[in-house]
Amino acid sequence: MIKYPFKSQLFLFVIIACISCSCLVPEKPKTAYVDSTNINLTPSIDSVLANQLGADDYGMKTYVMAFLKKGRKRWMIDSVTANKLQKAHMENIGRLANEGKLVVAGPFEDNTDLRGIYIFDVRTIEEAQKLCETDPAIQAESLAMELHPWYGSAALMKTVEIHKTIAKKSF
């Protein structure tokens, strides 16, 4: 015959084991029912906007991406001249953006030879090269450009317009 204290220990063990096992049983998936008559599975395409932005059937277009790199004469430029070049460089960026030729521009935040990017709304490397040659920092060889054709979202064309509505300061 089993003694009473052992029975209570056995009972306690069984209870703890049952509770432990119930924690291991996965929860039943919850099912949600949705009235499918109110769901629009086809996205609404704004064909006028797509055409205006030059989008293809995928909503994409060709740009030219420029990688700005440290130029070969960068080390020869004194700090006063470097500050003037930077100001002129930023003014050139603003002009190109306002003309609709420069869609995105910005510096890299690490301190390497790769300084930043431009994304031009042009179709050829030659067109982008001509735009790069208007940059005073490139003219002074403080910066150099590496140009590549790039296929990206045509929605980038709205970047400058949107940026103007969110920037509290300008350069």
N, C-alpha and C. Protein backbone atom coordinates (compact mmCIF):
# COMPACT_ATOMS: atom_id res chain seq x y z
N MET A 1 0.85 -1.17 0.00
CA MET A 1 0.00 0.00 0.00
C MET A 1 0.89 1.23 0.00
N ILE A 2 0.48 2.29 -0.76
CA ILE A 2 1.25 3.53 -0.87
C ILE A 2 0.89 4.42 0.28
N LYS A 3 1.93 4.96 0.89
CA LYS A 3 1.71 5.84 2.04
C LYS A 3 1.20 7.19 1.58
N TYR A 4 0.47 7.89 2.43
CA TYR A 4 -0.17 9.16 2.13
C TYR A 4 0.78 10.23 1.61
N PRO A 5 1.93 10.51 2.26
CA PRO A 5 2.82 11.57 1.75
C PRO A 5 3.29 11.26 0.33
N PHE A 6 3.53 10.00 0.01
CA PHE A 6 3.98 9.65 -1.32
C PHE A 6 2.86 9.90 -2.35
N LYS A 7 1.60 9.59 -1.96
CA LYS A 7 0.47 9.83 -2.85
C LYS A 7 0.35 11.32 -3.16
N SER A 8 0.49 12.17 -2.19
CA SER A 8 0.36 13.60 -2.41
C SER A 8 1.52 14.11 -3.29
N GLN A 9 2.70 13.54 -3.11
CA GLN A 9 3.84 13.94 -3.95
C GLN A 9 3.61 13.48 -5.40
N LEU A 10 3.10 12.27 -5.55
CA LEU A 10 2.81 11.74 -6.88
C LEU A 10 1.73 12.58 -7.55
N PHE A 11 0.69 12.92 -6.80
CA PHE A 11 -0.39 13.75 -7.32
C PHE A 11 0.15 15.12 -7.74
N LEU A 12 0.98 15.72 -6.93
CA LEU A 12 1.58 17.02 -7.22
C LEU A 12 2.46 16.93 -8.47
N PHE A 13 3.22 15.85 -8.61
CA PHE A 13 4.07 15.63 -9.78
C PHE A 13 3.22 15.56 -11.05
N VAL A 14 2.11 14.80 -10.99
CA VAL A 14 1.23 14.64 -12.15
C VAL A 14 0.61 15.99 -12.52
N ILE A 15 0.20 16.77 -11.56
CA ILE A 15 -0.39 18.09 -11.83
C ILE A 15 0.64 18.99 -12.51
N ILE A 16 1.86 19.04 -11.98
CA ILE A 16 2.92 19.88 -12.56
C ILE A 16 3.25 19.41 -13.97
N ALA A 17 3.31 18.09 -14.18
CA ALA A 17 3.61 17.56 -15.50
C ALA A 17 2.51 17.94 -16.49
N CYS A 18 1.27 17.88 -16.09
CA CYS A 18 0.16 18.24 -16.97
C CYS A 18 0.21 19.72 -17.34
N ILE A 19 0.48 20.55 -16.35
CA ILE A 19 0.58 22.00 -16.62
C ILE A 19 1.75 22.27 -17.57
N SER A 20 2.89 21.62 -17.34
CA SER A 20 4.06 21.81 -18.19
C SER A 20 3.78 21.38 -19.62
N CYS A 21 3.12 20.24 -19.77
CA CYS A 21 2.81 19.75 -21.11
C CYS A 21 1.83 20.67 -21.82
N SER A 22 0.89 21.23 -21.09
CA SER A 22 -0.09 22.10 -21.73
C SER A 22 0.58 23.37 -22.25
N CYS A 23 1.71 23.78 -21.65
CA CYS A 23 2.45 24.95 -22.14
C CYS A 23 3.16 24.64 -23.46
N LEU A 24 3.42 23.36 -23.71
CA LEU A 24 4.13 22.98 -24.92
C LEU A 24 3.21 22.77 -26.11
N VAL A 25 1.92 22.66 -25.86
CA VAL A 25 0.97 22.44 -26.94
C VAL A 25 0.76 23.76 -27.67
N PRO A 26 0.98 23.78 -28.98
CA PRO A 26 0.82 25.04 -29.70
C PRO A 26 -0.62 25.53 -29.68
N GLU A 27 -0.75 26.85 -29.73
CA GLU A 27 -2.06 27.47 -29.74
C GLU A 27 -2.75 27.18 -31.07
N LYS A 28 -4.04 26.99 -31.04
CA LYS A 28 -4.78 26.78 -32.26
C LYS A 28 -4.79 28.08 -33.06
N PRO A 29 -4.61 27.97 -34.38
CA PRO A 29 -4.62 29.21 -35.17
C PRO A 29 -5.98 29.89 -35.10
N LYS A 30 -5.94 31.22 -35.02
CA LYS A 30 -7.18 31.99 -34.99
C LYS A 30 -7.55 32.31 -36.43
N THR A 31 -8.77 32.12 -36.77
CA THR A 31 -9.24 32.34 -38.13
C THR A 31 -10.07 33.61 -38.16
N ALA A 32 -9.75 34.48 -39.12
CA ALA A 32 -10.54 35.69 -39.30
C ALA A 32 -11.30 35.55 -40.62
N TYR A 33 -12.51 35.97 -40.61
CA TYR A 33 -13.33 35.92 -41.81
C TYR A 33 -13.52 37.34 -42.32
N VAL A 34 -13.22 37.53 -43.60
CA VAL A 34 -13.32 38.84 -44.22
C VAL A 34 -14.31 38.76 -45.36
N ASP A 35 -15.11 39.78 -45.46
CA ASP A 35 -16.06 39.85 -46.56
C ASP A 35 -15.28 40.23 -47.82
N SER A 36 -15.05 39.27 -48.70
CA SER A 36 -14.21 39.49 -49.88
C SER A 36 -14.88 40.37 -50.93
N THR A 37 -16.12 40.70 -50.76
CA THR A 37 -16.79 41.55 -51.76
C THR A 37 -16.30 43.00 -51.66
N ASN A 38 -15.69 43.39 -50.54
CA ASN A 38 -15.23 44.77 -50.35
C ASN A 38 -13.73 44.93 -50.55
N ILE A 39 -13.03 43.89 -50.99
CA ILE A 39 -11.59 43.96 -51.15
C ILE A 39 -11.24 44.17 -52.62
N ASN A 40 -10.42 45.20 -52.87
CA ASN A 40 -9.96 45.46 -54.23
C ASN A 40 -8.57 44.85 -54.37
N LEU A 41 -8.47 43.72 -55.07
CA LEU A 41 -7.19 43.04 -55.21
C LEU A 41 -6.33 43.62 -56.32
N THR A 42 -6.89 44.44 -57.17
CA THR A 42 -6.15 45.07 -58.26
C THR A 42 -5.78 46.48 -57.83
N PRO A 43 -4.47 46.79 -57.80
CA PRO A 43 -4.09 48.15 -57.41
C PRO A 43 -4.58 49.17 -58.44
N SER A 44 -4.88 50.34 -57.97
CA SER A 44 -5.34 51.40 -58.86
C SER A 44 -4.11 52.06 -59.50
N ILE A 45 -4.02 51.98 -60.79
CA ILE A 45 -2.89 52.54 -61.53
C ILE A 45 -3.26 53.93 -62.03
N ASP A 46 -2.41 54.89 -61.73
CA ASP A 46 -2.59 56.26 -62.22
C ASP A 46 -1.78 56.37 -63.51
N SER A 47 -2.41 56.05 -64.62
CA SER A 47 -1.70 56.01 -65.90
C SER A 47 -1.25 57.40 -66.34
N VAL A 48 -1.97 58.43 -65.95
CA VAL A 48 -1.57 59.79 -66.29
C VAL A 48 -0.26 60.13 -65.57
N LEU A 49 -0.20 59.82 -64.27
CA LEU A 49 1.02 60.07 -63.50
C LEU A 49 2.17 59.21 -64.02
N ALA A 50 1.90 57.95 -64.29
CA ALA A 50 2.93 57.05 -64.81
C ALA A 50 3.52 57.61 -66.11
N ASN A 51 2.67 58.10 -66.98
CA ASN A 51 3.12 58.69 -68.24
C ASN A 51 3.92 59.97 -67.98
N GLN A 52 3.43 60.78 -67.08
CA GLN A 52 4.09 62.04 -66.72
C GLN A 52 5.50 61.79 -66.16
N LEU A 53 5.66 60.72 -65.41
CA LEU A 53 6.96 60.40 -64.79
C LEU A 53 7.87 59.59 -65.72
N GLY A 54 7.35 59.18 -66.87
CA GLY A 54 8.15 58.40 -67.80
C GLY A 54 8.28 56.95 -67.41
N ALA A 55 7.30 56.43 -66.67
CA ALA A 55 7.34 55.05 -66.18
C ALA A 55 7.03 54.05 -67.29
N ASP A 56 7.72 52.92 -67.23
CA ASP A 56 7.37 51.81 -68.13
C ASP A 56 6.26 51.00 -67.48
N ASP A 57 5.94 49.84 -68.02
CA ASP A 57 4.86 49.01 -67.49
C ASP A 57 5.12 48.51 -66.06
N TYR A 58 6.39 48.54 -65.64
CA TYR A 58 6.75 48.11 -64.29
C TYR A 58 6.84 49.28 -63.32
N GLY A 59 6.54 50.49 -63.79
CA GLY A 59 6.65 51.67 -62.95
C GLY A 59 8.09 52.13 -62.79
N MET A 60 8.94 51.69 -63.70
CA MET A 60 10.38 51.97 -63.62
C MET A 60 10.81 52.83 -64.80
N LYS A 61 12.05 53.35 -64.70
CA LYS A 61 12.64 54.09 -65.81
C LYS A 61 14.15 54.06 -65.66
N THR A 62 14.85 54.48 -66.71
CA THR A 62 16.31 54.51 -66.69
C THR A 62 16.79 55.89 -66.25
N TYR A 63 17.75 55.88 -65.35
CA TYR A 63 18.43 57.08 -64.87
C TYR A 63 19.92 56.87 -65.10
N VAL A 64 20.72 57.86 -64.72
CA VAL A 64 22.16 57.66 -64.63
C VAL A 64 22.55 57.99 -63.20
N MET A 65 23.21 57.03 -62.56
CA MET A 65 23.68 57.21 -61.19
C MET A 65 25.15 57.62 -61.23
N ALA A 66 25.47 58.61 -60.43
CA ALA A 66 26.85 59.09 -60.34
C ALA A 66 27.36 58.84 -58.93
N PHE A 67 28.51 58.22 -58.86
CA PHE A 67 29.20 58.07 -57.58
C PHE A 67 30.24 59.18 -57.50
N LEU A 68 30.11 60.04 -56.51
CA LEU A 68 31.08 61.12 -56.30
C LEU A 68 32.22 60.55 -55.47
N LYS A 69 33.42 60.77 -55.95
CA LYS A 69 34.61 60.27 -55.26
C LYS A 69 35.56 61.42 -55.01
N LYS A 70 36.48 61.23 -54.07
CA LYS A 70 37.51 62.24 -53.85
C LYS A 70 38.28 62.43 -55.15
N GLY A 71 38.47 63.70 -55.52
CA GLY A 71 39.20 64.01 -56.74
C GLY A 71 40.71 63.97 -56.52
N ARG A 72 41.45 63.94 -57.62
CA ARG A 72 42.90 63.80 -57.52
C ARG A 72 43.60 65.04 -56.98
N LYS A 73 42.94 66.21 -57.03
CA LYS A 73 43.56 67.43 -56.50
C LYS A 73 42.98 67.86 -55.16
N ARG A 74 42.15 67.03 -54.57
CA ARG A 74 41.49 67.37 -53.31
C ARG A 74 42.48 67.75 -52.22
N TRP A 75 43.56 67.04 -52.13
CA TRP A 75 44.55 67.28 -51.07
C TRP A 75 45.30 68.59 -51.27
N MET A 76 45.26 69.19 -52.46
CA MET A 76 45.99 70.43 -52.74
C MET A 76 45.15 71.67 -52.46
N ILE A 77 43.88 71.51 -52.10
CA ILE A 77 42.98 72.65 -51.93
C ILE A 77 42.97 73.08 -50.47
N ASP A 78 43.21 74.37 -50.23
CA ASP A 78 43.20 74.89 -48.85
C ASP A 78 41.77 74.98 -48.33
N SER A 79 41.62 75.18 -47.03
CA SER A 79 40.30 75.14 -46.39
C SER A 79 39.39 76.27 -46.85
N VAL A 80 39.93 77.47 -47.12
CA VAL A 80 39.10 78.58 -47.59
C VAL A 80 38.53 78.25 -48.97
N THR A 81 39.39 77.77 -49.86
CA THR A 81 38.94 77.38 -51.20
C THR A 81 37.97 76.21 -51.12
N ALA A 82 38.25 75.25 -50.24
CA ALA A 82 37.36 74.09 -50.07
C ALA A 82 35.96 74.53 -49.64
N ASN A 83 35.87 75.49 -48.73
CA ASN A 83 34.56 75.99 -48.28
C ASN A 83 33.82 76.68 -49.43
N LYS A 84 34.54 77.47 -50.24
CA LYS A 84 33.91 78.12 -51.39
C LYS A 84 33.43 77.09 -52.41
N LEU A 85 34.26 76.07 -52.64
CA LEU A 85 33.86 75.01 -53.57
C LEU A 85 32.64 74.26 -53.08
N GLN A 86 32.59 73.99 -51.77
CA GLN A 86 31.44 73.28 -51.21
C GLN A 86 30.16 74.10 -51.39
N LYS A 87 30.24 75.40 -51.14
CA LYS A 87 29.07 76.28 -51.32
C LYS A 87 28.63 76.27 -52.78
N ALA A 88 29.57 76.40 -53.70
CA ALA A 88 29.24 76.39 -55.13
C ALA A 88 28.71 75.03 -55.56
N HIS A 89 29.26 73.96 -55.00
CA HIS A 89 28.81 72.59 -55.27
C HIS A 89 27.34 72.44 -54.85
N MET A 90 26.99 72.94 -53.67
CA MET A 90 25.62 72.84 -53.18
C MET A 90 24.66 73.69 -54.02
N GLU A 91 25.11 74.85 -54.45
CA GLU A 91 24.28 75.69 -55.32
C GLU A 91 24.04 75.00 -56.66
N ASN A 92 25.05 74.32 -57.18
CA ASN A 92 24.90 73.59 -58.43
C ASN A 92 23.90 72.44 -58.27
N ILE A 93 23.97 71.75 -57.15
CA ILE A 93 23.01 70.68 -56.85
C ILE A 93 21.59 71.24 -56.86
N GLY A 94 21.39 72.38 -56.17
CA GLY A 94 20.06 73.01 -56.13
C GLY A 94 19.57 73.40 -57.51
N ARG A 95 20.46 73.96 -58.32
CA ARG A 95 20.09 74.36 -59.68
C ARG A 95 19.67 73.15 -60.51
N LEU A 96 20.47 72.08 -60.47
CA LEU A 96 20.14 70.87 -61.24
C LEU A 96 18.83 70.24 -60.76
N ALA A 97 18.59 70.27 -59.46
CA ALA A 97 17.33 69.72 -58.92
C ALA A 97 16.15 70.57 -59.39
N ASN A 98 16.30 71.90 -59.33
CA ASN A 98 15.21 72.79 -59.77
C ASN A 98 14.93 72.65 -61.25
N GLU A 99 15.94 72.32 -62.04
CA GLU A 99 15.75 72.11 -63.48
C GLU A 99 15.15 70.74 -63.79
N GLY A 100 15.03 69.88 -62.77
CA GLY A 100 14.47 68.55 -62.97
C GLY A 100 15.48 67.54 -63.51
N LYS A 101 16.75 67.88 -63.51
CA LYS A 101 17.79 66.98 -64.02
C LYS A 101 18.35 66.08 -62.93
N LEU A 102 18.34 66.57 -61.69
CA LEU A 102 18.90 65.81 -60.57
C LEU A 102 17.75 65.38 -59.67
N VAL A 103 17.56 64.08 -59.55
CA VAL A 103 16.43 63.52 -58.82
C VAL A 103 16.77 63.27 -57.36
N VAL A 104 17.96 62.77 -57.10
CA VAL A 104 18.43 62.46 -55.74
C VAL A 104 19.89 62.84 -55.65
N ALA A 105 20.27 63.40 -54.51
CA ALA A 105 21.68 63.69 -54.25
C ALA A 105 21.90 63.59 -52.75
N GLY A 106 23.08 63.15 -52.37
CA GLY A 106 23.39 63.12 -50.94
C GLY A 106 24.75 62.51 -50.68
N PRO A 107 25.34 62.91 -49.56
CA PRO A 107 26.66 62.40 -49.19
C PRO A 107 26.58 61.08 -48.44
N PHE A 108 27.66 60.32 -48.51
CA PHE A 108 27.81 59.16 -47.64
C PHE A 108 28.33 59.66 -46.30
N GLU A 109 27.94 59.03 -45.24
CA GLU A 109 28.28 59.53 -43.91
C GLU A 109 29.54 58.90 -43.32
N ASP A 110 30.14 57.98 -44.04
CA ASP A 110 31.42 57.45 -43.56
C ASP A 110 32.53 58.23 -44.28
N ASN A 111 33.70 58.21 -43.73
CA ASN A 111 34.79 59.01 -44.29
C ASN A 111 35.67 58.14 -45.16
N THR A 112 35.22 57.90 -46.41
CA THR A 112 35.98 57.09 -47.36
C THR A 112 36.19 57.92 -48.62
N ASP A 113 36.83 57.33 -49.61
CA ASP A 113 37.02 58.01 -50.89
C ASP A 113 35.70 58.20 -51.63
N LEU A 114 34.71 57.39 -51.32
CA LEU A 114 33.38 57.51 -51.92
C LEU A 114 32.61 58.56 -51.11
N ARG A 115 32.31 59.71 -51.74
CA ARG A 115 31.78 60.85 -51.02
C ARG A 115 30.26 60.98 -51.07
N GLY A 116 29.61 60.56 -52.18
CA GLY A 116 28.16 60.70 -52.28
C GLY A 116 27.63 60.17 -53.59
N ILE A 117 26.33 60.41 -53.81
CA ILE A 117 25.70 59.97 -55.07
C ILE A 117 24.84 61.09 -55.64
N TYR A 118 24.67 61.01 -56.95
CA TYR A 118 23.66 61.76 -57.68
C TYR A 118 22.87 60.72 -58.46
N ILE A 119 21.58 60.98 -58.65
CA ILE A 119 20.80 60.21 -59.61
C ILE A 119 20.21 61.24 -60.57
N PHE A 120 20.66 61.16 -61.82
CA PHE A 120 20.23 62.11 -62.85
C PHE A 120 19.06 61.55 -63.65
N ASP A 121 18.13 62.42 -63.99
CA ASP A 121 17.03 62.05 -64.88
C ASP A 121 17.47 62.31 -66.32
N VAL A 122 18.40 61.51 -66.78
CA VAL A 122 18.86 61.53 -68.17
C VAL A 122 18.99 60.09 -68.62
N ARG A 123 19.05 59.89 -69.91
CA ARG A 123 19.08 58.52 -70.43
C ARG A 123 20.48 58.03 -70.77
N THR A 124 21.43 58.96 -70.94
CA THR A 124 22.75 58.53 -71.37
C THR A 124 23.85 59.02 -70.44
N ILE A 125 24.94 58.31 -70.46
CA ILE A 125 26.13 58.68 -69.70
C ILE A 125 26.65 60.05 -70.17
N GLU A 126 26.59 60.28 -71.46
CA GLU A 126 27.09 61.54 -72.04
C GLU A 126 26.31 62.74 -71.50
N GLU A 127 24.99 62.62 -71.40
CA GLU A 127 24.18 63.70 -70.85
C GLU A 127 24.56 63.97 -69.40
N ALA A 128 24.74 62.90 -68.63
CA ALA A 128 25.12 63.03 -67.22
C ALA A 128 26.51 63.65 -67.10
N GLN A 129 27.42 63.26 -67.98
CA GLN A 129 28.78 63.81 -67.96
C GLN A 129 28.76 65.33 -68.14
N LYS A 130 27.92 65.81 -69.06
CA LYS A 130 27.81 67.25 -69.29
C LYS A 130 27.29 67.96 -68.05
N LEU A 131 26.33 67.34 -67.35
CA LEU A 131 25.81 67.93 -66.12
C LEU A 131 26.87 67.94 -65.03
N CYS A 132 27.65 66.87 -64.94
CA CYS A 132 28.71 66.79 -63.93
C CYS A 132 29.75 67.89 -64.15
N GLU A 133 30.01 68.20 -65.40
CA GLU A 133 31.02 69.21 -65.73
C GLU A 133 30.61 70.61 -65.31
N THR A 134 29.34 70.81 -64.92
CA THR A 134 28.90 72.12 -64.43
C THR A 134 29.20 72.29 -62.94
N ASP A 135 29.63 71.23 -62.27
CA ASP A 135 29.89 71.28 -60.83
C ASP A 135 31.28 71.87 -60.56
N PRO A 136 31.36 72.98 -59.83
CA PRO A 136 32.65 73.61 -59.54
C PRO A 136 33.63 72.67 -58.81
N ALA A 137 33.14 71.79 -57.97
CA ALA A 137 34.03 70.86 -57.26
C ALA A 137 34.63 69.84 -58.21
N ILE A 138 33.91 69.49 -59.25
CA ILE A 138 34.44 68.58 -60.27
C ILE A 138 35.41 69.34 -61.17
N GLN A 139 35.06 70.56 -61.51
CA GLN A 139 35.96 71.38 -62.33
C GLN A 139 37.31 71.57 -61.65
N ALA A 140 37.29 71.74 -60.31
CA ALA A 140 38.52 71.93 -59.55
C ALA A 140 39.21 70.61 -59.21
N GLU A 141 38.61 69.50 -59.61
CA GLU A 141 39.09 68.15 -59.35
C GLU A 141 39.18 67.82 -57.86
N SER A 142 38.35 68.50 -57.07
CA SER A 142 38.18 68.14 -55.67
C SER A 142 37.30 66.89 -55.58
N LEU A 143 36.40 66.75 -56.54
CA LEU A 143 35.54 65.57 -56.67
C LEU A 143 35.70 65.00 -58.08
N ALA A 144 35.46 63.72 -58.20
CA ALA A 144 35.43 63.04 -59.50
C ALA A 144 34.14 62.22 -59.54
N MET A 145 33.66 61.93 -60.74
CA MET A 145 32.43 61.18 -60.91
C MET A 145 32.67 59.87 -61.62
N GLU A 146 31.93 58.86 -61.17
CA GLU A 146 31.87 57.57 -61.86
C GLU A 146 30.40 57.38 -62.21
N LEU A 147 30.09 57.24 -63.49
CA LEU A 147 28.71 57.23 -63.97
C LEU A 147 28.29 55.84 -64.44
N HIS A 148 27.02 55.49 -64.10
CA HIS A 148 26.47 54.18 -64.48
C HIS A 148 24.99 54.33 -64.83
N PRO A 149 24.52 53.67 -65.91
CA PRO A 149 23.07 53.64 -66.16
C PRO A 149 22.41 52.84 -65.02
N TRP A 150 21.25 53.28 -64.61
CA TRP A 150 20.57 52.65 -63.48
C TRP A 150 19.07 52.60 -63.76
N TYR A 151 18.45 51.47 -63.45
CA TYR A 151 17.03 51.24 -63.66
C TYR A 151 16.35 51.25 -62.30
N GLY A 152 15.48 52.24 -62.06
CA GLY A 152 14.83 52.36 -60.76
C GLY A 152 13.41 52.87 -60.89
N SER A 153 12.75 53.00 -59.77
CA SER A 153 11.35 53.42 -59.75
C SER A 153 11.18 54.83 -60.32
N ALA A 154 10.20 54.98 -61.17
CA ALA A 154 9.89 56.30 -61.73
C ALA A 154 9.35 57.23 -60.65
N ALA A 155 8.91 56.68 -59.52
CA ALA A 155 8.42 57.50 -58.41
C ALA A 155 9.50 58.41 -57.85
N LEU A 156 10.78 58.09 -58.09
CA LEU A 156 11.86 58.96 -57.63
C LEU A 156 11.73 60.37 -58.19
N MET A 157 11.04 60.49 -59.31
CA MET A 157 10.87 61.80 -59.93
C MET A 157 10.12 62.77 -59.02
N LYS A 158 9.42 62.27 -58.04
CA LYS A 158 8.68 63.11 -57.09
C LYS A 158 9.51 63.47 -55.86
N THR A 159 10.73 62.96 -55.76
CA THR A 159 11.55 63.18 -54.57
C THR A 159 11.81 64.65 -54.30
N VAL A 160 12.23 65.40 -55.30
CA VAL A 160 12.55 66.83 -55.09
C VAL A 160 11.31 67.59 -54.63
N GLU A 161 10.19 67.34 -55.28
CA GLU A 161 8.93 68.00 -54.92
C GLU A 161 8.55 67.70 -53.46
N ILE A 162 8.64 66.45 -53.07
CA ILE A 162 8.30 66.07 -51.70
C ILE A 162 9.31 66.64 -50.71
N HIS A 163 10.58 66.60 -51.08
CA HIS A 163 11.63 67.11 -50.19
C HIS A 163 11.38 68.57 -49.81
N LYS A 164 10.93 69.35 -50.76
CA LYS A 164 10.67 70.78 -50.50
C LYS A 164 9.59 70.97 -49.45
N THR A 165 8.72 69.99 -49.27
CA THR A 165 7.63 70.12 -48.29
C THR A 165 8.03 69.63 -46.91
N ILE A 166 9.21 68.99 -46.79
CA ILE A 166 9.59 68.46 -45.47
C ILE A 166 10.89 69.04 -44.92
N ALA A 167 11.66 69.76 -45.74
CA ALA A 167 12.93 70.32 -45.28
C ALA A 167 12.69 71.63 -44.53
N LYS A 168 13.16 71.69 -43.30
CA LYS A 168 13.03 72.92 -42.52
C LYS A 168 14.14 73.91 -42.85
N LYS A 169 15.27 73.40 -43.33
CA LYS A 169 16.41 74.25 -43.68
C LYS A 169 16.91 73.86 -45.07
N SER A 170 17.65 74.76 -45.69
CA SER A 170 18.31 74.44 -46.96
C SER A 170 19.77 74.81 -46.85
N PHE A 171 20.56 74.32 -47.79
CA PHE A 171 22.00 74.59 -47.74
C PHE A 171 22.34 75.94 -48.30
